[in-house]
Amino acid sequence: QGPISGVNKEIAVLQCHGDCDPLVPLMFGSLTVEKLKSMLNPANVTFRTYSGMMHSSCIEEMMDVKQFIDKHLPPVD
């Protein structure tokens, strides 16, 4: 609950959302990403939407997650 400062402000965030989600409307995802951008370095916050995706996942989303992990986390030996 404390303020975000230092290295934490530079954390990379990937937020994904389906545009047909009946449980968490896309508007809430959009509001959340704007809040994150106000708290963190906005250049490090990525918001992806997926056409036709409901409250689930899709192959495109999983590929984006994989690319994000590959880019931001060290490899596991």
N, C-alpha and C. Protein backbone atom coordinates (compact mmCIF):
# COMPACT_ATOMS: atom_id res chain seq x y z
N GLN A 1 0.81 -1.20 0.00
CA GLN A 1 0.00 0.00 0.00
C GLN A 1 0.85 1.26 0.00
N GLY A 2 2.16 1.13 0.28
CA GLY A 2 3.03 2.28 0.30
C GLY A 2 3.30 2.80 -1.10
N PRO A 3 3.94 3.97 -1.17
CA PRO A 3 4.25 4.54 -2.48
C PRO A 3 5.25 3.68 -3.24
N ILE A 4 5.12 3.72 -4.53
CA ILE A 4 6.04 3.00 -5.40
C ILE A 4 7.21 3.94 -5.70
N SER A 5 8.42 3.45 -5.44
CA SER A 5 9.58 4.29 -5.67
C SER A 5 10.76 3.43 -6.09
N GLY A 6 11.83 4.11 -6.46
CA GLY A 6 13.06 3.41 -6.81
C GLY A 6 12.89 2.43 -7.94
N VAL A 7 13.52 1.27 -7.77
CA VAL A 7 13.52 0.25 -8.81
C VAL A 7 12.12 -0.25 -9.12
N ASN A 8 11.23 -0.22 -8.14
CA ASN A 8 9.87 -0.71 -8.37
C ASN A 8 9.12 0.12 -9.40
N LYS A 9 9.46 1.39 -9.55
CA LYS A 9 8.81 2.22 -10.56
C LYS A 9 9.17 1.79 -11.97
N GLU A 10 10.25 1.03 -12.11
CA GLU A 10 10.72 0.61 -13.43
C GLU A 10 10.32 -0.82 -13.78
N ILE A 11 9.49 -1.44 -12.96
CA ILE A 11 9.08 -2.82 -13.23
C ILE A 11 8.27 -2.88 -14.53
N ALA A 12 8.49 -3.93 -15.29
CA ALA A 12 7.74 -4.13 -16.54
C ALA A 12 6.44 -4.86 -16.24
N VAL A 13 5.36 -4.40 -16.85
CA VAL A 13 4.04 -4.99 -16.64
C VAL A 13 3.41 -5.31 -17.99
N LEU A 14 2.88 -6.50 -18.11
CA LEU A 14 2.08 -6.89 -19.27
C LEU A 14 0.68 -7.18 -18.76
N GLN A 15 -0.28 -6.44 -19.24
CA GLN A 15 -1.69 -6.67 -18.88
C GLN A 15 -2.43 -7.08 -20.14
N CYS A 16 -3.13 -8.19 -20.07
CA CYS A 16 -3.86 -8.73 -21.22
C CYS A 16 -5.35 -8.77 -20.90
N HIS A 17 -6.17 -8.54 -21.94
CA HIS A 17 -7.61 -8.52 -21.72
C HIS A 17 -8.35 -8.87 -23.01
N GLY A 18 -9.36 -9.69 -22.88
CA GLY A 18 -10.23 -10.00 -24.01
C GLY A 18 -11.27 -8.92 -24.18
N ASP A 19 -11.59 -8.57 -25.42
CA ASP A 19 -12.57 -7.51 -25.64
C ASP A 19 -14.02 -7.97 -25.51
N CYS A 20 -14.22 -9.26 -25.25
CA CYS A 20 -15.57 -9.79 -25.06
C CYS A 20 -15.75 -10.42 -23.68
N ASP A 21 -14.93 -10.03 -22.72
CA ASP A 21 -14.97 -10.60 -21.37
C ASP A 21 -16.25 -10.16 -20.67
N PRO A 22 -17.15 -11.11 -20.35
CA PRO A 22 -18.41 -10.75 -19.68
C PRO A 22 -18.25 -10.58 -18.16
N LEU A 23 -17.17 -11.07 -17.57
CA LEU A 23 -16.97 -10.98 -16.12
C LEU A 23 -16.21 -9.72 -15.72
N VAL A 24 -15.16 -9.39 -16.49
CA VAL A 24 -14.37 -8.18 -16.23
C VAL A 24 -14.40 -7.36 -17.53
N PRO A 25 -15.31 -6.40 -17.59
CA PRO A 25 -15.44 -5.63 -18.83
C PRO A 25 -14.13 -4.94 -19.22
N LEU A 26 -13.93 -4.80 -20.52
CA LEU A 26 -12.72 -4.18 -21.06
C LEU A 26 -12.49 -2.80 -20.45
N MET A 27 -13.55 -2.09 -20.15
CA MET A 27 -13.42 -0.75 -19.55
C MET A 27 -12.62 -0.83 -18.25
N PHE A 28 -12.83 -1.87 -17.44
CA PHE A 28 -12.09 -2.01 -16.19
C PHE A 28 -10.61 -2.29 -16.45
N GLY A 29 -10.34 -3.07 -17.47
CA GLY A 29 -8.95 -3.29 -17.85
C GLY A 29 -8.28 -2.00 -18.29
N SER A 30 -9.00 -1.20 -19.05
CA SER A 30 -8.47 0.09 -19.51
C SER A 30 -8.21 1.03 -18.34
N LEU A 31 -9.12 1.07 -17.38
CA LEU A 31 -8.94 1.91 -16.20
C LEU A 31 -7.74 1.43 -15.38
N THR A 32 -7.59 0.12 -15.27
CA THR A 32 -6.48 -0.44 -14.50
C THR A 32 -5.14 -0.08 -15.14
N VAL A 33 -5.04 -0.20 -16.45
CA VAL A 33 -3.77 0.11 -17.11
C VAL A 33 -3.44 1.59 -16.98
N GLU A 34 -4.44 2.45 -17.01
CA GLU A 34 -4.17 3.88 -16.83
C GLU A 34 -3.68 4.16 -15.41
N LYS A 35 -4.23 3.48 -14.42
CA LYS A 35 -3.77 3.63 -13.04
C LYS A 35 -2.32 3.15 -12.92
N LEU A 36 -2.02 1.99 -13.51
CA LEU A 36 -0.65 1.48 -13.49
C LEU A 36 0.32 2.47 -14.13
N LYS A 37 -0.07 3.05 -15.25
CA LYS A 37 0.80 4.01 -15.94
C LYS A 37 1.03 5.27 -15.10
N SER A 38 0.07 5.61 -14.24
CA SER A 38 0.25 6.78 -13.38
C SER A 38 1.16 6.47 -12.19
N MET A 39 1.30 5.20 -11.86
CA MET A 39 2.10 4.79 -10.71
C MET A 39 3.51 4.36 -11.10
N LEU A 40 3.64 3.80 -12.30
CA LEU A 40 4.91 3.25 -12.78
C LEU A 40 5.39 4.07 -13.97
N ASN A 41 6.56 3.71 -14.47
CA ASN A 41 7.03 4.31 -15.71
C ASN A 41 6.10 3.84 -16.83
N PRO A 42 5.32 4.74 -17.41
CA PRO A 42 4.33 4.31 -18.41
C PRO A 42 4.94 3.60 -19.62
N ALA A 43 6.20 3.86 -19.90
CA ALA A 43 6.87 3.20 -21.02
C ALA A 43 7.05 1.71 -20.77
N ASN A 44 6.95 1.28 -19.52
CA ASN A 44 7.15 -0.13 -19.16
C ASN A 44 5.84 -0.89 -18.97
N VAL A 45 4.72 -0.23 -19.22
CA VAL A 45 3.41 -0.85 -19.04
C VAL A 45 2.82 -1.13 -20.42
N THR A 46 2.53 -2.40 -20.68
CA THR A 46 1.97 -2.81 -21.97
C THR A 46 0.59 -3.39 -21.74
N PHE A 47 -0.37 -2.94 -22.53
CA PHE A 47 -1.75 -3.42 -22.46
C PHE A 47 -2.11 -4.02 -23.80
N ARG A 48 -2.46 -5.29 -23.80
CA ARG A 48 -2.84 -5.99 -25.02
C ARG A 48 -4.29 -6.43 -24.91
N THR A 49 -5.03 -6.23 -25.99
CA THR A 49 -6.40 -6.73 -26.05
C THR A 49 -6.48 -7.77 -27.16
N TYR A 50 -7.42 -8.69 -26.99
CA TYR A 50 -7.56 -9.80 -27.93
C TYR A 50 -9.01 -9.85 -28.41
N SER A 51 -9.15 -9.71 -29.71
CA SER A 51 -10.47 -9.65 -30.33
C SER A 51 -11.21 -10.97 -30.16
N GLY A 52 -12.44 -10.87 -29.66
CA GLY A 52 -13.30 -12.04 -29.51
C GLY A 52 -13.03 -12.88 -28.28
N MET A 53 -11.99 -12.55 -27.51
CA MET A 53 -11.66 -13.36 -26.33
C MET A 53 -12.57 -12.99 -25.16
N MET A 54 -13.10 -14.01 -24.55
CA MET A 54 -13.95 -13.83 -23.37
C MET A 54 -13.08 -13.89 -22.12
N HIS A 55 -13.62 -14.37 -21.01
CA HIS A 55 -12.87 -14.49 -19.75
C HIS A 55 -12.09 -15.80 -19.81
N SER A 56 -11.06 -15.79 -20.65
CA SER A 56 -10.29 -17.01 -20.92
C SER A 56 -8.93 -16.60 -21.46
N SER A 57 -8.31 -17.45 -22.23
CA SER A 57 -7.05 -17.11 -22.87
C SER A 57 -7.10 -17.60 -24.31
N CYS A 58 -6.10 -17.19 -25.07
CA CYS A 58 -6.01 -17.62 -26.46
C CYS A 58 -4.54 -17.80 -26.80
N ILE A 59 -4.25 -18.42 -27.91
CA ILE A 59 -2.87 -18.70 -28.30
C ILE A 59 -2.07 -17.40 -28.48
N GLU A 60 -2.70 -16.36 -29.02
CA GLU A 60 -2.00 -15.09 -29.20
C GLU A 60 -1.58 -14.49 -27.86
N GLU A 61 -2.46 -14.58 -26.89
CA GLU A 61 -2.13 -14.08 -25.55
C GLU A 61 -0.97 -14.88 -24.95
N MET A 62 -1.03 -16.19 -25.06
CA MET A 62 0.03 -17.02 -24.50
C MET A 62 1.37 -16.75 -25.18
N MET A 63 1.36 -16.45 -26.48
CA MET A 63 2.60 -16.10 -27.17
C MET A 63 3.13 -14.76 -26.68
N ASP A 64 2.23 -13.79 -26.43
CA ASP A 64 2.65 -12.50 -25.88
C ASP A 64 3.25 -12.67 -24.48
N VAL A 65 2.64 -13.52 -23.67
CA VAL A 65 3.16 -13.80 -22.32
C VAL A 65 4.54 -14.43 -22.42
N LYS A 66 4.69 -15.39 -23.33
CA LYS A 66 6.00 -16.05 -23.51
C LYS A 66 7.06 -15.03 -23.92
N GLN A 67 6.74 -14.17 -24.86
CA GLN A 67 7.70 -13.16 -25.30
C GLN A 67 8.06 -12.21 -24.17
N PHE A 68 7.07 -11.83 -23.36
CA PHE A 68 7.31 -10.95 -22.23
C PHE A 68 8.25 -11.62 -21.22
N ILE A 69 7.99 -12.88 -20.91
CA ILE A 69 8.86 -13.62 -19.96
C ILE A 69 10.26 -13.75 -20.52
N ASP A 70 10.36 -14.12 -21.78
CA ASP A 70 11.68 -14.26 -22.41
C ASP A 70 12.48 -12.96 -22.37
N LYS A 71 11.79 -11.84 -22.53
CA LYS A 71 12.44 -10.54 -22.57
C LYS A 71 12.85 -10.05 -21.18
N HIS A 72 12.01 -10.31 -20.16
CA HIS A 72 12.18 -9.65 -18.87
C HIS A 72 12.72 -10.53 -17.75
N LEU A 73 12.69 -11.84 -17.92
CA LEU A 73 13.18 -12.72 -16.85
C LEU A 73 14.41 -13.46 -17.33
N PRO A 74 15.33 -13.71 -16.41
CA PRO A 74 16.54 -14.44 -16.82
C PRO A 74 16.19 -15.89 -17.15
N PRO A 75 16.95 -16.50 -18.04
CA PRO A 75 16.69 -17.90 -18.39
C PRO A 75 16.93 -18.83 -17.19
N VAL A 76 16.21 -19.91 -17.18
CA VAL A 76 16.38 -20.93 -16.14
C VAL A 76 17.25 -22.04 -16.72
N ASP A 77 18.31 -22.35 -16.03
CA ASP A 77 19.21 -23.40 -16.51
C ASP A 77 18.77 -24.77 -16.04
